[in-house]
Amino acid sequence: MRAKNIVIIEHESLSYRKKENYLISEFISRNFSVEYWDCSQYFFPGINFGETLSEDYCFYINTLDDLQNNLNRINIKETIFIVEVFYKWKNRDFFRLLKENGCYLIKIEMYATANVTSLTLCEELKRMSSKQIYNLFKSRVKNFIFKQYCKFCGIQYDVFITSGIYRNANYHINHPDWELYRRIKDTVPKYTRKY
């Protein structure tokens, strides 16, 4: 797909870190049209993320009607949508609206982490309280129902990019903190231990 436009749909407000992670300035310098759709008030009404940038490419989505109105004003066929929204049951209407409008969806999981423990499910359950077990069961059931709903409605990402070890990813990338380390490692004085 050849796209001229990039729309970043985020559950958080725009910050310096997000602007850097999404390479927004670089895309703009290469003549892409970039928009950042801040959906923070839709997902977390009343939240204040503190450090928030206000740029002319920021749009605010507070309702599903706002989302549809923004989709109506752009050329969807020439746009890729980078979506950072929790992929879960309570957000099903949000994802369904994107897919019904024919959006090409990309998920970039920048901060995926590997599991540090290799406990079996039985070992994990032994360490949990009854409330934790109940919440785990409830979460697994909701995830299962959501996956079936997504299959039924044809909701899925067209491209999945991750810093994790998931086999179903289309592309693997480095964790942003690793990239930052690579950029600054030669500028930081080396620590030497004195005995």
N, C-alpha and C. Protein backbone atom coordinates (compact mmCIF):
# COMPACT_ATOMS: atom_id res chain seq x y z
N MET A 1 0.84 -1.20 0.00
CA MET A 1 0.00 0.00 0.00
C MET A 1 0.88 1.25 0.00
N ARG A 2 0.60 2.19 -0.89
CA ARG A 2 1.30 3.46 -0.91
C ARG A 2 0.43 4.50 -0.26
N ALA A 3 0.91 5.06 0.84
CA ALA A 3 0.10 6.02 1.58
C ALA A 3 0.78 7.39 1.58
N LYS A 4 -0.03 8.42 1.49
CA LYS A 4 0.47 9.79 1.59
C LYS A 4 0.22 10.35 2.97
N ASN A 5 -0.70 9.72 3.68
CA ASN A 5 -1.14 10.26 4.97
C ASN A 5 -0.91 9.24 6.07
N ILE A 6 -0.55 9.73 7.25
CA ILE A 6 -0.40 8.89 8.43
C ILE A 6 -1.26 9.47 9.53
N VAL A 7 -2.13 8.65 10.08
CA VAL A 7 -2.93 9.05 11.22
C VAL A 7 -2.54 8.17 12.40
N ILE A 8 -2.11 8.81 13.47
CA ILE A 8 -1.75 8.10 14.70
C ILE A 8 -2.93 8.24 15.65
N ILE A 9 -3.53 7.11 15.99
CA ILE A 9 -4.68 7.11 16.91
C ILE A 9 -4.18 6.61 18.26
N GLU A 10 -4.21 7.47 19.26
CA GLU A 10 -3.58 7.19 20.55
C GLU A 10 -4.57 7.32 21.70
N HIS A 11 -4.37 6.45 22.71
CA HIS A 11 -5.19 6.56 23.92
C HIS A 11 -4.59 7.55 24.91
N GLU A 12 -3.45 8.14 24.56
CA GLU A 12 -2.82 9.16 25.40
C GLU A 12 -2.60 10.43 24.60
N SER A 13 -2.42 11.53 25.32
CA SER A 13 -2.14 12.81 24.67
C SER A 13 -0.74 12.81 24.08
N LEU A 14 -0.49 13.74 23.16
CA LEU A 14 0.82 13.84 22.53
C LEU A 14 1.83 14.40 23.53
N SER A 15 2.96 13.72 23.65
CA SER A 15 4.06 14.16 24.51
C SER A 15 5.33 14.20 23.66
N TYR A 16 6.40 14.76 24.23
CA TYR A 16 7.68 14.77 23.49
C TYR A 16 8.13 13.36 23.18
N ARG A 17 7.95 12.45 24.14
CA ARG A 17 8.38 11.05 23.96
C ARG A 17 7.60 10.39 22.82
N LYS A 18 6.28 10.60 22.80
CA LYS A 18 5.45 10.01 21.74
C LYS A 18 5.81 10.61 20.37
N LYS A 19 6.04 11.91 20.35
CA LYS A 19 6.42 12.56 19.10
C LYS A 19 7.72 11.97 18.56
N GLU A 20 8.65 11.70 19.46
CA GLU A 20 9.93 11.10 19.06
C GLU A 20 9.75 9.64 18.65
N ASN A 21 9.01 8.87 19.44
CA ASN A 21 8.82 7.45 19.14
C ASN A 21 8.15 7.22 17.79
N TYR A 22 7.18 8.06 17.47
CA TYR A 22 6.46 7.90 16.20
C TYR A 22 7.17 8.57 15.02
N LEU A 23 8.32 9.19 15.28
CA LEU A 23 9.11 9.84 14.23
C LEU A 23 8.29 10.88 13.46
N ILE A 24 7.44 11.60 14.17
CA ILE A 24 6.51 12.53 13.52
C ILE A 24 7.25 13.60 12.72
N SER A 25 8.28 14.21 13.31
CA SER A 25 9.02 15.26 12.59
C SER A 25 9.67 14.72 11.32
N GLU A 26 10.19 13.49 11.40
CA GLU A 26 10.83 12.89 10.23
C GLU A 26 9.82 12.64 9.11
N PHE A 27 8.63 12.14 9.48
CA PHE A 27 7.60 11.91 8.46
C PHE A 27 7.18 13.23 7.80
N ILE A 28 7.00 14.26 8.62
CA ILE A 28 6.59 15.57 8.08
C ILE A 28 7.68 16.11 7.15
N SER A 29 8.95 15.94 7.55
CA SER A 29 10.05 16.44 6.72
C SER A 29 10.14 15.71 5.37
N ARG A 30 9.53 14.52 5.30
CA ARG A 30 9.53 13.76 4.05
C ARG A 30 8.18 13.90 3.32
N ASN A 31 7.47 14.97 3.64
CA ASN A 31 6.23 15.37 2.96
C ASN A 31 5.04 14.44 3.17
N PHE A 32 5.04 13.69 4.27
CA PHE A 32 3.84 12.97 4.64
C PHE A 32 2.91 13.93 5.37
N SER A 33 1.63 13.74 5.18
CA SER A 33 0.65 14.45 5.99
C SER A 33 0.41 13.61 7.23
N VAL A 34 0.71 14.17 8.40
CA VAL A 34 0.59 13.43 9.66
C VAL A 34 -0.46 14.08 10.54
N GLU A 35 -1.32 13.24 11.11
CA GLU A 35 -2.28 13.71 12.11
C GLU A 35 -2.17 12.82 13.34
N TYR A 36 -2.35 13.44 14.50
CA TYR A 36 -2.33 12.71 15.77
C TYR A 36 -3.72 12.86 16.39
N TRP A 37 -4.44 11.75 16.46
CA TRP A 37 -5.79 11.78 17.01
C TRP A 37 -5.72 11.37 18.48
N ASP A 38 -5.86 12.36 19.34
CA ASP A 38 -5.80 12.17 20.79
C ASP A 38 -7.16 11.68 21.28
N CYS A 39 -7.22 10.40 21.66
CA CYS A 39 -8.47 9.79 22.12
C CYS A 39 -8.49 9.62 23.64
N SER A 40 -7.63 10.34 24.33
CA SER A 40 -7.50 10.15 25.78
C SER A 40 -8.82 10.41 26.52
N GLN A 41 -9.56 11.44 26.09
CA GLN A 41 -10.82 11.75 26.79
C GLN A 41 -11.94 10.77 26.44
N TYR A 42 -11.80 10.08 25.32
CA TYR A 42 -12.77 9.03 24.99
C TYR A 42 -12.56 7.83 25.90
N PHE A 43 -11.30 7.42 26.06
CA PHE A 43 -11.01 6.23 26.85
C PHE A 43 -10.91 6.50 28.34
N PHE A 44 -10.44 7.69 28.72
CA PHE A 44 -10.27 8.04 30.14
C PHE A 44 -10.82 9.43 30.40
N PRO A 45 -12.15 9.59 30.43
CA PRO A 45 -12.74 10.93 30.60
C PRO A 45 -12.20 11.64 31.84
N GLY A 46 -11.79 12.89 31.64
CA GLY A 46 -11.30 13.71 32.76
C GLY A 46 -9.83 13.55 33.08
N ILE A 47 -9.14 12.65 32.40
CA ILE A 47 -7.72 12.41 32.72
C ILE A 47 -6.86 13.58 32.24
N ASN A 48 -5.79 13.84 32.98
CA ASN A 48 -4.82 14.85 32.59
C ASN A 48 -3.45 14.19 32.57
N PHE A 49 -2.84 14.10 31.40
CA PHE A 49 -1.56 13.44 31.28
C PHE A 49 -0.38 14.35 31.62
N GLY A 50 -0.66 15.57 32.02
CA GLY A 50 0.43 16.48 32.39
C GLY A 50 1.12 17.04 31.17
N GLU A 51 2.31 16.53 30.89
CA GLU A 51 3.11 17.02 29.76
C GLU A 51 2.38 16.71 28.45
N THR A 52 1.72 17.71 27.90
CA THR A 52 0.95 17.52 26.67
C THR A 52 1.34 18.59 25.65
N LEU A 53 1.64 18.16 24.44
CA LEU A 53 1.96 19.09 23.36
C LEU A 53 0.69 19.43 22.60
N SER A 54 0.61 20.66 22.15
CA SER A 54 -0.51 21.07 21.31
C SER A 54 0.07 21.49 19.96
N GLU A 55 -0.14 20.65 18.96
CA GLU A 55 0.38 20.91 17.62
C GLU A 55 -0.78 21.08 16.66
N ASP A 56 -0.52 21.71 15.51
CA ASP A 56 -1.61 21.93 14.56
C ASP A 56 -2.10 20.63 13.91
N TYR A 57 -1.34 19.55 14.05
CA TYR A 57 -1.77 18.26 13.51
C TYR A 57 -2.48 17.39 14.55
N CYS A 58 -2.76 17.96 15.73
CA CYS A 58 -3.49 17.22 16.78
C CYS A 58 -5.00 17.42 16.63
N PHE A 59 -5.72 16.32 16.71
CA PHE A 59 -7.19 16.35 16.68
C PHE A 59 -7.67 15.57 17.90
N TYR A 60 -8.80 15.97 18.43
CA TYR A 60 -9.27 15.40 19.69
C TYR A 60 -10.55 14.60 19.47
N ILE A 61 -10.51 13.35 19.87
CA ILE A 61 -11.63 12.43 19.70
C ILE A 61 -12.23 12.15 21.08
N ASN A 62 -13.44 12.66 21.31
CA ASN A 62 -14.10 12.46 22.60
C ASN A 62 -15.26 11.46 22.52
N THR A 63 -15.76 11.23 21.30
CA THR A 63 -16.90 10.33 21.11
C THR A 63 -16.69 9.53 19.82
N LEU A 64 -17.51 8.50 19.63
CA LEU A 64 -17.47 7.76 18.38
C LEU A 64 -17.91 8.64 17.20
N ASP A 65 -18.79 9.60 17.46
CA ASP A 65 -19.19 10.55 16.41
C ASP A 65 -17.99 11.39 15.97
N ASP A 66 -17.16 11.82 16.93
CA ASP A 66 -15.94 12.56 16.58
C ASP A 66 -15.03 11.71 15.69
N LEU A 67 -14.91 10.43 16.05
CA LEU A 67 -14.08 9.52 15.26
C LEU A 67 -14.62 9.42 13.83
N GLN A 68 -15.93 9.22 13.69
CA GLN A 68 -16.54 9.09 12.36
C GLN A 68 -16.39 10.39 11.56
N ASN A 69 -16.58 11.53 12.22
CA ASN A 69 -16.44 12.82 11.53
C ASN A 69 -15.02 13.03 11.00
N ASN A 70 -14.03 12.62 11.78
CA ASN A 70 -12.64 12.74 11.32
C ASN A 70 -12.35 11.76 10.19
N LEU A 71 -12.92 10.57 10.25
CA LEU A 71 -12.75 9.61 9.16
C LEU A 71 -13.39 10.13 7.87
N ASN A 72 -14.52 10.84 8.02
CA ASN A 72 -15.22 11.38 6.85
C ASN A 72 -14.42 12.46 6.12
N ARG A 73 -13.58 13.20 6.83
CA ARG A 73 -12.89 14.35 6.22
C ARG A 73 -11.56 13.98 5.57
N ILE A 74 -11.09 12.72 5.72
CA ILE A 74 -9.81 12.35 5.12
C ILE A 74 -10.01 11.31 4.02
N ASN A 75 -8.97 11.14 3.22
CA ASN A 75 -8.99 10.10 2.18
C ASN A 75 -8.46 8.81 2.80
N ILE A 76 -9.36 7.93 3.20
CA ILE A 76 -8.99 6.71 3.91
C ILE A 76 -8.12 5.80 3.06
N LYS A 77 -8.38 5.77 1.75
CA LYS A 77 -7.62 4.86 0.87
C LYS A 77 -6.16 5.26 0.74
N GLU A 78 -5.83 6.51 1.05
CA GLU A 78 -4.44 6.96 0.97
C GLU A 78 -3.83 7.18 2.35
N THR A 79 -4.42 6.53 3.35
CA THR A 79 -3.99 6.75 4.74
C THR A 79 -3.69 5.43 5.44
N ILE A 80 -2.61 5.42 6.21
CA ILE A 80 -2.39 4.30 7.12
C ILE A 80 -2.66 4.80 8.54
N PHE A 81 -3.22 3.94 9.34
CA PHE A 81 -3.60 4.28 10.70
C PHE A 81 -2.73 3.48 11.67
N ILE A 82 -1.92 4.18 12.42
CA ILE A 82 -1.13 3.55 13.47
C ILE A 82 -1.97 3.67 14.74
N VAL A 83 -2.41 2.53 15.26
CA VAL A 83 -3.40 2.53 16.34
C VAL A 83 -2.78 2.03 17.64
N GLU A 84 -2.77 2.90 18.65
CA GLU A 84 -2.32 2.52 19.99
C GLU A 84 -3.52 2.66 20.93
N VAL A 85 -4.34 1.63 20.88
CA VAL A 85 -5.56 1.55 21.68
C VAL A 85 -5.63 0.14 22.22
N PHE A 86 -6.03 -0.01 23.48
CA PHE A 86 -6.09 -1.34 24.08
C PHE A 86 -7.04 -2.23 23.29
N TYR A 87 -6.53 -3.37 22.87
CA TYR A 87 -7.28 -4.32 22.05
C TYR A 87 -8.07 -5.22 22.98
N LYS A 88 -9.22 -4.70 23.43
CA LYS A 88 -10.03 -5.46 24.39
C LYS A 88 -11.51 -5.21 24.18
N TRP A 89 -12.31 -6.00 24.86
CA TRP A 89 -13.76 -6.04 24.67
C TRP A 89 -14.41 -4.68 24.79
N LYS A 90 -14.03 -3.89 25.80
CA LYS A 90 -14.73 -2.62 26.01
C LYS A 90 -14.47 -1.61 24.88
N ASN A 91 -13.46 -1.87 24.04
CA ASN A 91 -13.15 -0.97 22.93
C ASN A 91 -13.63 -1.51 21.58
N ARG A 92 -14.48 -2.52 21.62
CA ARG A 92 -14.91 -3.19 20.38
C ARG A 92 -15.60 -2.25 19.41
N ASP A 93 -16.43 -1.32 19.90
CA ASP A 93 -17.14 -0.40 19.00
C ASP A 93 -16.16 0.53 18.29
N PHE A 94 -15.10 0.91 18.98
CA PHE A 94 -14.07 1.78 18.41
C PHE A 94 -13.38 1.07 17.25
N PHE A 95 -12.95 -0.17 17.48
CA PHE A 95 -12.28 -0.94 16.43
C PHE A 95 -13.23 -1.28 15.29
N ARG A 96 -14.47 -1.59 15.63
CA ARG A 96 -15.44 -1.94 14.58
C ARG A 96 -15.67 -0.77 13.64
N LEU A 97 -15.72 0.44 14.19
CA LEU A 97 -15.92 1.63 13.36
C LEU A 97 -14.74 1.85 12.41
N LEU A 98 -13.53 1.61 12.90
CA LEU A 98 -12.35 1.75 12.03
C LEU A 98 -12.41 0.75 10.88
N LYS A 99 -12.75 -0.50 11.20
CA LYS A 99 -12.79 -1.53 10.15
C LYS A 99 -13.96 -1.32 9.19
N GLU A 100 -15.10 -0.88 9.68
CA GLU A 100 -16.25 -0.62 8.81
C GLU A 100 -15.94 0.48 7.80
N ASN A 101 -15.04 1.39 8.16
CA ASN A 101 -14.64 2.47 7.26
C ASN A 101 -13.49 2.08 6.35
N GLY A 102 -13.03 0.83 6.45
CA GLY A 102 -11.98 0.33 5.57
C GLY A 102 -10.58 0.84 5.90
N CYS A 103 -10.32 1.14 7.17
CA CYS A 103 -9.01 1.66 7.58
C CYS A 103 -7.95 0.56 7.55
N TYR A 104 -6.76 0.93 7.09
CA TYR A 104 -5.61 0.04 7.08
C TYR A 104 -4.90 0.23 8.42
N LEU A 105 -4.98 -0.77 9.30
CA LEU A 105 -4.54 -0.62 10.69
C LEU A 105 -3.17 -1.24 10.94
N ILE A 106 -2.31 -0.46 11.58
CA ILE A 106 -0.99 -0.93 11.98
C ILE A 106 -0.87 -0.82 13.49
N LYS A 107 -0.40 -1.89 14.10
CA LYS A 107 -0.11 -1.87 15.54
C LYS A 107 1.40 -1.89 15.71
N ILE A 108 1.94 -0.91 16.47
CA ILE A 108 3.36 -0.89 16.79
C ILE A 108 3.48 -1.03 18.30
N GLU A 109 3.91 -2.20 18.72
CA GLU A 109 4.06 -2.47 20.15
C GLU A 109 5.52 -2.20 20.51
N MET A 110 5.81 -0.97 20.92
CA MET A 110 7.18 -0.54 21.15
C MET A 110 7.75 -1.05 22.46
N TYR A 111 6.90 -1.22 23.45
CA TYR A 111 7.39 -1.51 24.79
C TYR A 111 7.05 -2.92 25.26
N ALA A 112 7.01 -3.86 24.34
CA ALA A 112 6.75 -5.26 24.72
C ALA A 112 7.93 -5.76 25.54
N THR A 113 7.64 -6.54 26.55
CA THR A 113 8.70 -7.09 27.39
C THR A 113 8.58 -8.61 27.41
N ALA A 114 9.71 -9.25 27.54
CA ALA A 114 9.72 -10.71 27.61
C ALA A 114 9.38 -11.15 29.03
N ASN A 115 8.79 -12.33 29.15
CA ASN A 115 8.52 -12.89 30.47
C ASN A 115 9.82 -13.29 31.13
N VAL A 116 9.97 -12.90 32.40
CA VAL A 116 11.20 -13.26 33.10
C VAL A 116 11.06 -14.58 33.85
N THR A 117 9.83 -15.01 34.05
CA THR A 117 9.64 -16.29 34.74
C THR A 117 9.07 -17.30 33.75
N SER A 118 9.33 -18.55 34.04
CA SER A 118 8.79 -19.61 33.19
C SER A 118 7.94 -20.55 34.04
N LEU A 119 7.09 -19.95 34.88
CA LEU A 119 6.21 -20.75 35.73
C LEU A 119 5.09 -21.36 34.90
N THR A 120 4.71 -22.56 35.27
CA THR A 120 3.55 -23.17 34.63
C THR A 120 2.29 -22.50 35.17
N LEU A 121 1.18 -22.72 34.50
CA LEU A 121 -0.08 -22.14 34.95
C LEU A 121 -0.42 -22.61 36.36
N CYS A 122 -0.19 -23.90 36.64
CA CYS A 122 -0.47 -24.44 37.99
C CYS A 122 0.37 -23.74 39.05
N GLU A 123 1.65 -23.51 38.76
CA GLU A 123 2.53 -22.83 39.72
C GLU A 123 2.08 -21.39 39.95
N GLU A 124 1.66 -20.73 38.87
CA GLU A 124 1.16 -19.35 39.00
C GLU A 124 -0.10 -19.32 39.86
N LEU A 125 -1.01 -20.25 39.61
CA LEU A 125 -2.28 -20.28 40.37
C LEU A 125 -2.04 -20.52 41.86
N LYS A 126 -1.03 -21.34 42.19
CA LYS A 126 -0.72 -21.61 43.61
C LYS A 126 -0.30 -20.36 44.34
N ARG A 127 0.30 -19.42 43.64
CA ARG A 127 0.80 -18.19 44.26
C ARG A 127 -0.26 -17.09 44.35
N MET A 128 -1.42 -17.33 43.76
CA MET A 128 -2.46 -16.29 43.71
C MET A 128 -3.51 -16.46 44.79
N SER A 129 -4.11 -15.32 45.16
CA SER A 129 -5.26 -15.35 46.06
C SER A 129 -6.50 -15.73 45.24
N SER A 130 -7.58 -16.05 45.92
CA SER A 130 -8.80 -16.44 45.21
C SER A 130 -9.33 -15.27 44.37
N LYS A 131 -9.16 -14.04 44.86
CA LYS A 131 -9.61 -12.87 44.09
C LYS A 131 -8.78 -12.72 42.82
N GLN A 132 -7.46 -12.94 42.92
CA GLN A 132 -6.59 -12.84 41.74
C GLN A 132 -6.95 -13.93 40.72
N ILE A 133 -7.26 -15.12 41.20
CA ILE A 133 -7.65 -16.21 40.30
C ILE A 133 -8.94 -15.86 39.58
N TYR A 134 -9.90 -15.31 40.33
CA TYR A 134 -11.18 -14.91 39.74
C TYR A 134 -10.96 -13.85 38.65
N ASN A 135 -10.13 -12.83 38.97
CA ASN A 135 -9.87 -11.75 38.00
C ASN A 135 -9.14 -12.27 36.77
N LEU A 136 -8.22 -13.22 36.98
CA LEU A 136 -7.51 -13.83 35.85
C LEU A 136 -8.49 -14.59 34.95
N PHE A 137 -9.36 -15.37 35.58
CA PHE A 137 -10.36 -16.15 34.83
C PHE A 137 -11.29 -15.21 34.05
N LYS A 138 -11.75 -14.16 34.73
CA LYS A 138 -12.64 -13.19 34.09
C LYS A 138 -11.95 -12.51 32.90
N SER A 139 -10.68 -12.15 33.08
CA SER A 139 -9.92 -11.52 32.01
C SER A 139 -9.74 -12.46 30.82
N ARG A 140 -9.44 -13.72 31.11
CA ARG A 140 -9.25 -14.70 30.02
C ARG A 140 -10.55 -14.92 29.24
N VAL A 141 -11.67 -14.98 29.95
CA VAL A 141 -12.97 -15.17 29.29
C VAL A 141 -13.28 -13.97 28.40
N LYS A 142 -13.05 -12.74 28.93
CA LYS A 142 -13.30 -11.54 28.13
C LYS A 142 -12.43 -11.51 26.89
N ASN A 143 -11.15 -11.88 27.05
CA ASN A 143 -10.25 -11.91 25.89
C ASN A 143 -10.71 -12.92 24.85
N PHE A 144 -11.16 -14.08 25.32
CA PHE A 144 -11.65 -15.10 24.40
C PHE A 144 -12.87 -14.60 23.63
N ILE A 145 -13.82 -14.01 24.36
CA ILE A 145 -15.04 -13.48 23.73
C ILE A 145 -14.68 -12.39 22.72
N PHE A 146 -13.74 -11.52 23.10
CA PHE A 146 -13.34 -10.43 22.20
C PHE A 146 -12.70 -10.99 20.93
N LYS A 147 -11.86 -12.01 21.06
CA LYS A 147 -11.22 -12.61 19.89
C LYS A 147 -12.27 -13.22 18.95
N GLN A 148 -13.28 -13.87 19.52
CA GLN A 148 -14.35 -14.44 18.69
C GLN A 148 -15.14 -13.33 18.00
N TYR A 149 -15.41 -12.26 18.74
CA TYR A 149 -16.11 -11.10 18.19
C TYR A 149 -15.32 -10.51 17.01
N CYS A 150 -13.99 -10.38 17.20
CA CYS A 150 -13.13 -9.83 16.14
C CYS A 150 -13.14 -10.71 14.90
N LYS A 151 -13.11 -12.02 15.10
CA LYS A 151 -13.18 -12.94 13.95
C LYS A 151 -14.50 -12.77 13.22
N PHE A 152 -15.59 -12.69 13.98
CA PHE A 152 -16.92 -12.57 13.39
C PHE A 152 -17.05 -11.26 12.61
N CYS A 153 -16.49 -10.16 13.15
CA CYS A 153 -16.63 -8.84 12.51
C CYS A 153 -15.48 -8.51 11.56
N GLY A 154 -14.49 -9.39 11.46
CA GLY A 154 -13.35 -9.13 10.59
C GLY A 154 -12.43 -8.04 11.09
N ILE A 155 -12.36 -7.90 12.41
CA ILE A 155 -11.49 -6.87 13.01
C ILE A 155 -10.11 -7.46 13.26
N GLN A 156 -9.13 -6.88 12.61
CA GLN A 156 -7.75 -7.31 12.86
C GLN A 156 -6.79 -6.25 12.35
N TYR A 157 -5.57 -6.28 12.86
CA TYR A 157 -4.55 -5.37 12.36
C TYR A 157 -4.04 -5.92 11.02
N ASP A 158 -3.77 -5.00 10.11
CA ASP A 158 -3.20 -5.41 8.83
C ASP A 158 -1.70 -5.69 8.97
N VAL A 159 -1.05 -4.96 9.85
CA VAL A 159 0.38 -5.15 10.12
C VAL A 159 0.60 -5.05 11.63
N PHE A 160 1.39 -5.98 12.16
CA PHE A 160 1.73 -6.00 13.58
C PHE A 160 3.25 -5.93 13.71
N ILE A 161 3.73 -4.85 14.35
CA ILE A 161 5.16 -4.61 14.56
C ILE A 161 5.40 -4.61 16.06
N THR A 162 6.42 -5.33 16.52
CA THR A 162 6.62 -5.43 17.97
C THR A 162 8.09 -5.50 18.35
N SER A 163 8.36 -5.06 19.57
CA SER A 163 9.69 -5.24 20.15
C SER A 163 9.73 -6.51 20.98
N GLY A 164 8.63 -7.24 21.01
CA GLY A 164 8.55 -8.49 21.76
C GLY A 164 8.91 -9.70 20.92
N ILE A 165 8.62 -10.87 21.45
CA ILE A 165 9.02 -12.11 20.78
C ILE A 165 7.84 -12.87 20.18
N TYR A 166 6.75 -12.15 19.91
CA TYR A 166 5.55 -12.80 19.39
C TYR A 166 5.78 -13.36 17.99
N ARG A 167 5.37 -14.59 17.78
CA ARG A 167 5.56 -15.24 16.48
C ARG A 167 4.64 -14.69 15.41
N ASN A 168 3.48 -14.16 15.82
CA ASN A 168 2.52 -13.70 14.81
C ASN A 168 2.81 -12.29 14.31
N ALA A 169 3.93 -11.69 14.73
CA ALA A 169 4.28 -10.34 14.28
C ALA A 169 4.77 -10.36 12.84
N ASN A 170 4.47 -9.28 12.11
CA ASN A 170 4.98 -9.13 10.75
C ASN A 170 6.43 -8.64 10.74
N TYR A 171 6.74 -7.76 11.71
CA TYR A 171 8.09 -7.21 11.81
C TYR A 171 8.49 -7.08 13.27
N HIS A 172 9.78 -7.22 13.53
CA HIS A 172 10.31 -7.04 14.88
C HIS A 172 11.23 -5.83 14.90
N ILE A 173 11.13 -5.03 15.96
CA ILE A 173 11.94 -3.82 16.10
C ILE A 173 12.62 -3.84 17.47
N ASN A 174 13.58 -2.93 17.65
CA ASN A 174 14.21 -2.79 18.95
C ASN A 174 13.32 -2.01 19.89
N HIS A 175 13.48 -2.25 21.18
CA HIS A 175 12.81 -1.48 22.22
C HIS A 175 13.34 -0.04 22.15
N PRO A 176 12.50 0.99 22.31
CA PRO A 176 12.97 2.38 22.22
C PRO A 176 14.10 2.70 23.20
N ASP A 177 14.08 2.10 24.39
CA ASP A 177 15.14 2.37 25.35
C ASP A 177 16.49 1.83 24.85
N TRP A 178 16.48 0.72 24.13
CA TRP A 178 17.70 0.19 23.54
C TRP A 178 18.22 1.15 22.46
N GLU A 179 17.31 1.69 21.65
CA GLU A 179 17.71 2.64 20.62
C GLU A 179 18.31 3.90 21.26
N LEU A 180 17.71 4.35 22.36
CA LEU A 180 18.24 5.53 23.07
C LEU A 180 19.64 5.23 23.59
N TYR A 181 19.82 4.07 24.18
CA TYR A 181 21.13 3.66 24.69
C TYR A 181 22.17 3.67 23.55
N ARG A 182 21.81 3.13 22.40
CA ARG A 182 22.75 3.08 21.27
C ARG A 182 23.16 4.48 20.82
N ARG A 183 22.21 5.45 20.93
CA ARG A 183 22.50 6.82 20.51
C ARG A 183 23.44 7.54 21.48
N ILE A 184 23.29 7.28 22.78
CA ILE A 184 24.03 8.07 23.77
C ILE A 184 25.20 7.34 24.42
N LYS A 185 25.39 6.06 24.15
CA LYS A 185 26.39 5.28 24.89
C LYS A 185 27.80 5.84 24.77
N ASP A 186 28.14 6.41 23.63
CA ASP A 186 29.49 6.94 23.46
C ASP A 186 29.66 8.35 24.03
N THR A 187 28.57 8.98 24.43
CA THR A 187 28.65 10.34 24.98
C THR A 187 28.70 10.33 26.51
N VAL A 188 28.41 9.18 27.11
CA VAL A 188 28.39 9.09 28.57
C VAL A 188 29.75 8.58 29.05
N PRO A 189 30.36 9.26 30.03
CA PRO A 189 31.66 8.79 30.52
C PRO A 189 31.56 7.37 31.08
N LYS A 190 32.58 6.59 30.80
CA LYS A 190 32.59 5.20 31.27
C LYS A 190 32.86 5.19 32.78
N TYR A 191 32.14 4.32 33.46
CA TYR A 191 32.33 4.18 34.91
C TYR A 191 33.39 3.11 35.14
N THR A 192 34.37 3.45 35.92
CA THR A 192 35.38 2.44 36.27
C THR A 192 35.41 2.32 37.79
N ARG A 193 35.38 1.10 38.22
CA ARG A 193 35.39 0.85 39.67
C ARG A 193 36.81 0.95 40.19
N LYS A 194 36.96 1.66 41.30
CA LYS A 194 38.28 1.78 41.93
C LYS A 194 38.30 0.87 43.15
N TYR A 195 39.31 0.05 43.27
CA TYR A 195 39.43 -0.87 44.40
C TYR A 195 40.42 -0.33 45.41
